[in-house]
PDB file of N, CA and C in Angstrom:
ATOM      1  N   UNK A   1      31.875  18.180 -33.214  1.00  0.00           N
ATOM      2  CA  UNK A   1      30.487  17.634 -33.260  1.00  0.00           C
ATOM      3  C   UNK A   1      30.456  16.316 -32.560  1.00  0.00           C
ATOM      4  N   UNK A   2      29.526  16.008 -31.751  1.00  0.00           N
ATOM      5  CA  UNK A   2      29.269  14.818 -31.069  1.00  0.00           C
ATOM      6  C   UNK A   2      28.245  14.112 -31.858  1.00  0.00           C
ATOM      7  N   UNK A   3      28.494  12.733 -31.944  1.00  0.00           N
ATOM      8  CA  UNK A   3      27.487  11.906 -32.501  1.00  0.00           C
ATOM      9  C   UNK A   3      26.430  11.429 -31.554  1.00  0.00           C
ATOM     10  N   UNK A   4      26.720  11.655 -30.269  1.00  0.00           N
ATOM     11  CA  UNK A   4      25.793  11.343 -29.258  1.00  0.00           C
ATOM     12  C   UNK A   4      25.533  12.608 -28.506  1.00  0.00           C
ATOM     13  N   UNK A   5      24.234  13.024 -28.360  1.00  0.00           N
ATOM     14  CA  UNK A   5      23.826  14.278 -27.699  1.00  0.00           C
ATOM     15  C   UNK A   5      24.326  14.345 -26.213  1.00  0.00           C
ATOM     16  N   UNK A   6      24.610  15.603 -25.799  1.00  0.00           N
ATOM     17  CA  UNK A   6      25.051  15.794 -24.435  1.00  0.00           C
ATOM     18  C   UNK A   6      24.120  15.268 -23.437  1.00  0.00           C
ATOM     19  N   UNK A   7      22.793  15.272 -23.591  1.00  0.00           N
ATOM     20  CA  UNK A   7      21.850  14.779 -22.670  1.00  0.00           C
ATOM     21  C   UNK A   7      21.932  13.256 -22.567  1.00  0.00           C
ATOM     22  N   UNK A   8      21.992  12.698 -23.707  1.00  0.00           N
ATOM     23  CA  UNK A   8      22.180  11.197 -23.657  1.00  0.00           C
ATOM     24  C   UNK A   8      23.486  10.783 -22.868  1.00  0.00           C
ATOM     25  N   UNK A   9      24.518  11.466 -23.126  1.00  0.00           N
ATOM     26  CA  UNK A   9      25.781  11.106 -22.474  1.00  0.00           C
ATOM     27  C   UNK A   9      25.600  11.351 -20.945  1.00  0.00           C
ATOM     28  N   UNK A  10      24.819  12.448 -20.498  1.00  0.00           N
ATOM     29  CA  UNK A  10      24.585  12.730 -19.141  1.00  0.00           C
ATOM     30  C   UNK A  10      23.849  11.620 -18.489  1.00  0.00           C
ATOM     31  N   UNK A  11      22.861  11.164 -19.253  1.00  0.00           N
ATOM     32  CA  UNK A  11      22.021   9.980 -18.684  1.00  0.00           C
ATOM     33  C   UNK A  11      22.907   8.743 -18.495  1.00  0.00           C
ATOM     34  N   UNK A  12      23.788   8.449 -19.444  1.00  0.00           N
ATOM     35  CA  UNK A  12      24.620   7.306 -19.439  1.00  0.00           C
ATOM     36  C   UNK A  12      25.525   7.452 -18.153  1.00  0.00           C
ATOM     37  N   UNK A  13      26.048   8.696 -17.973  1.00  0.00           N
ATOM     38  CA  UNK A  13      26.963   8.860 -16.812  1.00  0.00           C
ATOM     39  C   UNK A  13      26.222   8.725 -15.540  1.00  0.00           C
ATOM     40  N   UNK A  14      25.001   9.203 -15.409  1.00  0.00           N
ATOM     41  CA  UNK A  14      24.163   8.996 -14.240  1.00  0.00           C
ATOM     42  C   UNK A  14      23.990   7.485 -13.916  1.00  0.00           C
ATOM     43  N   UNK A  15      23.760   6.708 -15.003  1.00  0.00           N
ATOM     44  CA  UNK A  15      23.487   5.299 -14.807  1.00  0.00           C
ATOM     45  C   UNK A  15      24.828   4.436 -14.561  1.00  0.00           C
ATOM     46  N   UNK A  16      25.938   5.004 -14.915  1.00  0.00           N
ATOM     47  CA  UNK A  16      27.196   4.394 -14.732  1.00  0.00           C
ATOM     48  C   UNK A  16      27.354   4.302 -13.129  1.00  0.00           C
ATOM     49  N   UNK A  17      26.712   5.072 -12.321  1.00  0.00           N
ATOM     50  CA  UNK A  17      26.812   4.984 -10.806  1.00  0.00           C
ATOM     51  C   UNK A  17      25.839   3.973 -10.222  1.00  0.00           C
ATOM     52  N   UNK A  18      24.986   3.415 -11.125  1.00  0.00           N
ATOM     53  CA  UNK A  18      24.060   2.431 -10.583  1.00  0.00           C
ATOM     54  C   UNK A  18      22.663   2.724 -11.212  1.00  0.00           C
ATOM     55  N   UNK A  19      21.735   1.617 -11.214  1.00  0.00           N
ATOM     56  CA  UNK A  19      20.488   1.817 -11.593  1.00  0.00           C
ATOM     57  C   UNK A  19      19.717   2.958 -11.037  1.00  0.00           C
ATOM     58  N   UNK A  20      18.850   3.626 -11.774  1.00  0.00           N
ATOM     59  CA  UNK A  20      18.020   4.740 -11.333  1.00  0.00           C
ATOM     60  C   UNK A  20      16.722   4.785 -12.011  1.00  0.00           C
ATOM     61  N   UNK A  21      15.654   5.427 -11.350  1.00  0.00           N
ATOM     62  CA  UNK A  21      14.308   5.609 -11.937  1.00  0.00           C
ATOM     63  C   UNK A  21      14.387   6.748 -12.804  1.00  0.00           C
ATOM     64  N   UNK A  22      13.520   6.771 -13.837  1.00  0.00           N
ATOM     65  CA  UNK A  22      13.533   7.896 -14.829  1.00  0.00           C
ATOM     66  C   UNK A  22      13.401   9.290 -14.180  1.00  0.00           C
ATOM     67  N   UNK A  23      12.429   9.333 -13.160  1.00  0.00           N
ATOM     68  CA  UNK A  23      12.279  10.705 -12.380  1.00  0.00           C
ATOM     69  C   UNK A  23      13.525  11.087 -11.766  1.00  0.00           C
ATOM     70  N   UNK A  24      14.216  10.196 -11.093  1.00  0.00           N
ATOM     71  CA  UNK A  24      15.520  10.513 -10.394  1.00  0.00           C
ATOM     72  C   UNK A  24      16.489  10.952 -11.328  1.00  0.00           C
ATOM     73  N   UNK A  25      16.617  10.403 -12.527  1.00  0.00           N
ATOM     74  CA  UNK A  25      17.554  10.850 -13.553  1.00  0.00           C
ATOM     75  C   UNK A  25      17.133  12.404 -14.005  1.00  0.00           C
ATOM     76  N   UNK A  26      15.886  12.577 -14.251  1.00  0.00           N
ATOM     77  CA  UNK A  26      15.328  13.886 -14.714  1.00  0.00           C
ATOM     78  C   UNK A  26      15.763  14.939 -13.553  1.00  0.00           C
ATOM     79  N   UNK A  27      15.447  14.580 -12.330  1.00  0.00           N
ATOM     80  CA  UNK A  27      15.602  15.534 -11.289  1.00  0.00           C
ATOM     81  C   UNK A  27      17.171  15.842 -11.173  1.00  0.00           C
ATOM     82  N   UNK A  28      17.988  14.755 -11.242  1.00  0.00           N
ATOM     83  CA  UNK A  28      19.431  14.971 -11.094  1.00  0.00           C
ATOM     84  C   UNK A  28      20.062  15.829 -12.143  1.00  0.00           C
ATOM     85  N   UNK A  29      19.495  15.618 -13.358  1.00  0.00           N
ATOM     86  CA  UNK A  29      20.127  16.425 -14.508  1.00  0.00           C
ATOM     87  C   UNK A  29      19.179  17.771 -14.851  1.00  0.00           C
ATOM     88  N   UNK A  30      18.239  17.944 -14.034  1.00  0.00           N
ATOM     89  CA  UNK A  30      17.362  19.139 -14.135  1.00  0.00           C
ATOM     90  C   UNK A  30      16.724  19.247 -15.528  1.00  0.00           C
ATOM     91  N   UNK A  31      16.195  18.173 -16.110  1.00  0.00           N
ATOM     92  CA  UNK A  31      15.491  18.218 -17.332  1.00  0.00           C
ATOM     93  C   UNK A  31      14.105  17.646 -17.216  1.00  0.00           C
ATOM     94  N   UNK A  32      13.221  17.867 -18.136  1.00  0.00           N
ATOM     95  CA  UNK A  32      11.798  17.491 -17.958  1.00  0.00           C
ATOM     96  C   UNK A  32      11.674  16.026 -17.881  1.00  0.00           C
ATOM     97  N   UNK A  33      10.639  15.601 -17.205  1.00  0.00           N
ATOM     98  CA  UNK A  33      10.368  14.138 -17.108  1.00  0.00           C
ATOM     99  C   UNK A  33      10.015  13.503 -18.510  1.00  0.00           C
ATOM    100  N   UNK A  34       9.230  14.277 -19.281  1.00  0.00           N
ATOM    101  CA  UNK A  34       8.916  13.898 -20.697  1.00  0.00           C
ATOM    102  C   UNK A  34      10.170  13.657 -21.568  1.00  0.00           C
ATOM    103  N   UNK A  35      11.093  14.751 -21.420  1.00  0.00           N
ATOM    104  CA  UNK A  35      12.285  14.811 -22.194  1.00  0.00           C
ATOM    105  C   UNK A  35      13.173  13.579 -21.809  1.00  0.00           C
ATOM    106  N   UNK A  36      13.307  13.313 -20.575  1.00  0.00           N
ATOM    107  CA  UNK A  36      14.156  12.305 -20.123  1.00  0.00           C
ATOM    108  C   UNK A  36      13.678  10.950 -20.604  1.00  0.00           C
ATOM    109  N   UNK A  37      12.404  10.726 -20.700  1.00  0.00           N
ATOM    110  CA  UNK A  37      11.854   9.413 -21.190  1.00  0.00           C
ATOM    111  C   UNK A  37      12.038   9.202 -22.598  1.00  0.00           C
ATOM    112  N   UNK A  38      12.036  10.395 -23.462  1.00  0.00           N
ATOM    113  CA  UNK A  38      12.254  10.274 -24.831  1.00  0.00           C
ATOM    114  C   UNK A  38      13.813   9.742 -25.117  1.00  0.00           C
ATOM    115  N   UNK A  39      14.640  10.324 -24.274  1.00  0.00           N
ATOM    116  CA  UNK A  39      16.137   9.929 -24.419  1.00  0.00           C
ATOM    117  C   UNK A  39      16.266   8.548 -23.940  1.00  0.00           C
ATOM    118  N   UNK A  40      15.582   8.222 -22.845  1.00  0.00           N
ATOM    119  CA  UNK A  40      15.689   6.805 -22.317  1.00  0.00           C
ATOM    120  C   UNK A  40      15.259   5.817 -23.406  1.00  0.00           C
ATOM    121  N   UNK A  41      14.108   6.111 -24.021  1.00  0.00           N
ATOM    122  CA  UNK A  41      13.624   5.290 -25.028  1.00  0.00           C
ATOM    123  C   UNK A  41      14.655   5.076 -26.191  1.00  0.00           C
ATOM    124  N   UNK A  42      15.270   6.105 -26.581  1.00  0.00           N
ATOM    125  CA  UNK A  42      16.218   6.022 -27.659  1.00  0.00           C
ATOM    126  C   UNK A  42      17.488   5.234 -27.169  1.00  0.00           C
ATOM    127  N   UNK A  43      17.915   5.362 -26.028  1.00  0.00           N
ATOM    128  CA  UNK A  43      19.124   4.690 -25.384  1.00  0.00           C
ATOM    129  C   UNK A  43      18.734   3.204 -25.309  1.00  0.00           C
ATOM    130  N   UNK A  44      17.451   2.879 -24.951  1.00  0.00           N
ATOM    131  CA  UNK A  44      17.042   1.440 -24.888  1.00  0.00           C
ATOM    132  C   UNK A  44      17.139   0.782 -26.210  1.00  0.00           C
ATOM    133  N   UNK A  45      16.546   1.537 -27.282  1.00  0.00           N
ATOM    134  CA  UNK A  45      16.587   0.993 -28.613  1.00  0.00           C
ATOM    135  C   UNK A  45      17.920   0.730 -29.216  1.00  0.00           C
ATOM    136  N   UNK A  46      18.840   1.734 -28.752  1.00  0.00           N
ATOM    137  CA  UNK A  46      20.220   1.589 -29.222  1.00  0.00           C
ATOM    138  C   UNK A  46      21.084   0.673 -28.436  1.00  0.00           C
ATOM    139  N   UNK A  47      20.517  -0.013 -27.379  1.00  0.00           N
ATOM    140  CA  UNK A  47      21.154  -1.117 -26.557  1.00  0.00           C
ATOM    141  C   UNK A  47      22.119  -0.451 -25.629  1.00  0.00           C
ATOM    142  N   UNK A  48      22.008   0.810 -25.289  1.00  0.00           N
ATOM    143  CA  UNK A  48      22.952   1.470 -24.367  1.00  0.00           C
ATOM    144  C   UNK A  48      22.493   1.298 -22.869  1.00  0.00           C
ATOM    145  N   UNK A  49      21.154   1.136 -22.725  1.00  0.00           N
ATOM    146  CA  UNK A  49      20.590   0.875 -21.335  1.00  0.00           C
ATOM    147  C   UNK A  49      19.577  -0.227 -21.433  1.00  0.00           C
ATOM    148  N   UNK A  50      19.235  -0.667 -20.213  1.00  0.00           N
ATOM    149  CA  UNK A  50      18.241  -1.707 -20.153  1.00  0.00           C
ATOM    150  C   UNK A  50      17.265  -1.349 -19.102  1.00  0.00           C
ATOM    151  N   UNK A  51      16.087  -1.921 -19.142  1.00  0.00           N
ATOM    152  CA  UNK A  51      14.883  -1.684 -18.185  1.00  0.00           C
ATOM    153  C   UNK A  51      14.900  -2.874 -17.241  1.00  0.00           C
ATOM    154  N   UNK A  52      14.949  -2.526 -15.896  1.00  0.00           N
ATOM    155  CA  UNK A  52      14.836  -3.496 -14.838  1.00  0.00           C
ATOM    156  C   UNK A  52      13.446  -3.322 -14.281  1.00  0.00           C
ATOM    157  N   UNK A  53      12.685  -4.341 -14.150  1.00  0.00           N
ATOM    158  CA  UNK A  53      11.382  -4.242 -13.586  1.00  0.00           C
ATOM    159  C   UNK A  53      11.229  -5.293 -12.419  1.00  0.00           C
ATOM    160  N   UNK A  54      10.628  -4.809 -11.365  1.00  0.00           N
ATOM    161  CA  UNK A  54      10.436  -5.726 -10.244  1.00  0.00           C
ATOM    162  C   UNK A  54       9.194  -5.205  -9.495  1.00  0.00           C
ATOM    163  N   UNK A  55       8.556  -6.253  -8.787  1.00  0.00           N
ATOM    164  CA  UNK A  55       7.352  -6.026  -8.002  1.00  0.00           C
ATOM    165  C   UNK A  55       7.711  -5.779  -6.551  1.00  0.00           C
ATOM    166  N   UNK A  56       7.242  -4.747  -5.908  1.00  0.00           N
ATOM    167  CA  UNK A  56       7.428  -4.501  -4.561  1.00  0.00           C
ATOM    168  C   UNK A  56       6.190  -3.925  -4.011  1.00  0.00           C
ATOM    169  N   UNK A  57       5.586  -4.662  -3.043  1.00  0.00           N
ATOM    170  CA  UNK A  57       4.422  -4.234  -2.399  1.00  0.00           C
ATOM    171  C   UNK A  57       3.188  -4.152  -3.210  1.00  0.00           C
ATOM    172  N   UNK A  58       3.197  -4.980  -4.268  1.00  0.00           N
ATOM    173  CA  UNK A  58       2.058  -4.907  -5.223  1.00  0.00           C
ATOM    174  C   UNK A  58       2.210  -3.901  -6.292  1.00  0.00           C
ATOM    175  N   UNK A  59       3.319  -3.084  -6.309  1.00  0.00           N
ATOM    176  CA  UNK A  59       3.521  -2.133  -7.292  1.00  0.00           C
ATOM    177  C   UNK A  59       4.803  -2.574  -8.054  1.00  0.00           C
ATOM    178  N   UNK A  60       4.731  -2.197  -9.327  1.00  0.00           N
ATOM    179  CA  UNK A  60       5.858  -2.435 -10.207  1.00  0.00           C
ATOM    180  C   UNK A  60       6.800  -1.272 -10.147  1.00  0.00           C
ATOM    181  N   UNK A  61       8.042  -1.602 -10.070  1.00  0.00           N
ATOM    182  CA  UNK A  61       9.120  -0.643 -10.018  1.00  0.00           C
ATOM    183  C   UNK A  61       9.968  -0.680 -11.278  1.00  0.00           C
ATOM    184  N   UNK A  62      10.223   0.327 -11.974  1.00  0.00           N
ATOM    185  CA  UNK A  62      11.073   0.346 -13.181  1.00  0.00           C
ATOM    186  C   UNK A  62      12.268   1.229 -12.864  1.00  0.00           C
ATOM    187  N   UNK A  63      13.389   0.620 -13.081  1.00  0.00           N
ATOM    188  CA  UNK A  63      14.636   1.370 -12.983  1.00  0.00           C
ATOM    189  C   UNK A  63      15.477   1.023 -14.364  1.00  0.00           C
ATOM    190  N   UNK A  64      16.417   1.805 -14.605  1.00  0.00           N
ATOM    191  CA  UNK A  64      17.229   1.675 -15.787  1.00  0.00           C
ATOM    192  C   UNK A  64      18.672   1.434 -15.511  1.00  0.00           C
ATOM    193  N   UNK A  65      19.376   0.629 -16.131  1.00  0.00           N
ATOM    194  CA  UNK A  65      20.714   0.294 -15.949  1.00  0.00           C
ATOM    195  C   UNK A  65      21.569   0.409 -17.143  1.00  0.00           C
ATOM    196  N   UNK A  66      22.673   0.891 -17.178  1.00  0.00           N
ATOM    197  CA  UNK A  66      23.647   0.976 -18.353  1.00  0.00           C
ATOM    198  C   UNK A  66      24.080  -0.374 -18.720  1.00  0.00           C
ATOM    199  N   UNK A  67      24.208  -0.674 -19.973  1.00  0.00           N
ATOM    200  CA  UNK A  67      24.634  -1.955 -20.503  1.00  0.00           C
ATOM    201  C   UNK A  67      26.191  -1.798 -20.801  1.00  0.00           C
ATOM    202  N   UNK A  68      26.764  -2.979 -21.071  1.00  0.00           N
ATOM    203  CA  UNK A  68      28.267  -2.997 -21.496  1.00  0.00           C
ATOM    204  C   UNK A  68      28.445  -2.073 -22.688  1.00  0.00           C
ATOM    205  N   UNK A  69      27.496  -2.047 -23.668  1.00  0.00           N
ATOM    206  CA  UNK A  69      27.683  -1.200 -24.770  1.00  0.00           C
ATOM    207  C   UNK A  69      27.652   0.295 -24.392  1.00  0.00           C
ATOM    208  N   UNK A  70      26.776   0.524 -23.341  1.00  0.00           N
ATOM    209  CA  UNK A  70      26.697   2.021 -22.897  1.00  0.00           C
ATOM    210  C   UNK A  70      28.116   2.314 -22.271  1.00  0.00           C
ATOM    211  N   UNK A  71      28.584   1.418 -21.429  1.00  0.00           N
ATOM    212  CA  UNK A  71      30.016   1.688 -20.838  1.00  0.00           C
ATOM    213  C   UNK A  71      31.143   1.868 -21.858  1.00  0.00           C
ATOM    214  N   UNK A  72      31.052   0.974 -22.922  1.00  0.00           N
ATOM    215  CA  UNK A  72      31.947   1.142 -23.980  1.00  0.00           C
ATOM    216  C   UNK A  72      31.889   2.440 -24.685  1.00  0.00           C
ATOM    217  N   UNK A  73      30.704   2.857 -24.946  1.00  0.00           N
ATOM    218  CA  UNK A  73      30.467   4.188 -25.543  1.00  0.00           C
ATOM    219  C   UNK A  73      31.024   5.346 -24.768  1.00  0.00           C
ATOM    220  N   UNK A  74      30.785   5.378 -23.434  1.00  0.00           N
ATOM    221  CA  UNK A  74      31.329   6.408 -22.522  1.00  0.00           C
ATOM    222  C   UNK A  74      32.868   6.386 -22.561  1.00  0.00           C
ATOM    223  N   UNK A  75      33.450   5.143 -22.624  1.00  0.00           N
ATOM    224  CA  UNK A  75      34.879   5.038 -22.642  1.00  0.00           C
ATOM    225  C   UNK A  75      35.473   5.545 -23.989  1.00  0.00           C
ATOM    226  N   UNK A  76      34.770   5.292 -25.137  1.00  0.00           N
ATOM    227  CA  UNK A  76      35.168   5.781 -26.398  1.00  0.00           C
ATOM    228  C   UNK A  76      35.043   7.329 -26.444  1.00  0.00           C
ATOM    229  N   UNK A  77      34.088   7.807 -25.876  1.00  0.00           N
ATOM    230  CA  UNK A  77      33.965   9.271 -25.789  1.00  0.00           C
ATOM    231  C   UNK A  77      34.854   9.926 -24.783  1.00  0.00           C
ATOM    232  N   UNK A  78      35.637   9.198 -24.089  1.00  0.00           N
ATOM    233  CA  UNK A  78      36.526   9.767 -23.109  1.00  0.00           C
ATOM    234  C   UNK A  78      35.839  10.190 -21.923  1.00  0.00           C
ATOM    235  N   UNK A  79      34.697   9.673 -21.548  1.00  0.00           N
ATOM    236  CA  UNK A  79      33.839  10.092 -20.408  1.00  0.00           C
ATOM    237  C   UNK A  79      34.078   9.242 -19.212  1.00  0.00           C
ATOM    238  N   UNK A  80      34.779   8.139 -19.308  1.00  0.00           N
ATOM    239  CA  UNK A  80      35.003   7.252 -18.150  1.00  0.00           C
ATOM    240  C   UNK A  80      36.422   6.777 -18.101  1.00  0.00           C
TER     241      UNK A  80
END
């Protein structure tokens, strides 16, 4: 039994390659956009990922990045 769900681990693995948009994560993992944002919110609250916001051309862009805690979790689970 895993203490961290498979989808959350998959999201962390996606972000281990670099920051990504939520839609990009959902598309890469073939999960619903709504579902991915539920997991992203949990991972943010748990300190495993962080939100990066920047303005480009008058529009805000949000991407997510794995934190050191997220990397340590993947390492502890034998995923990295």
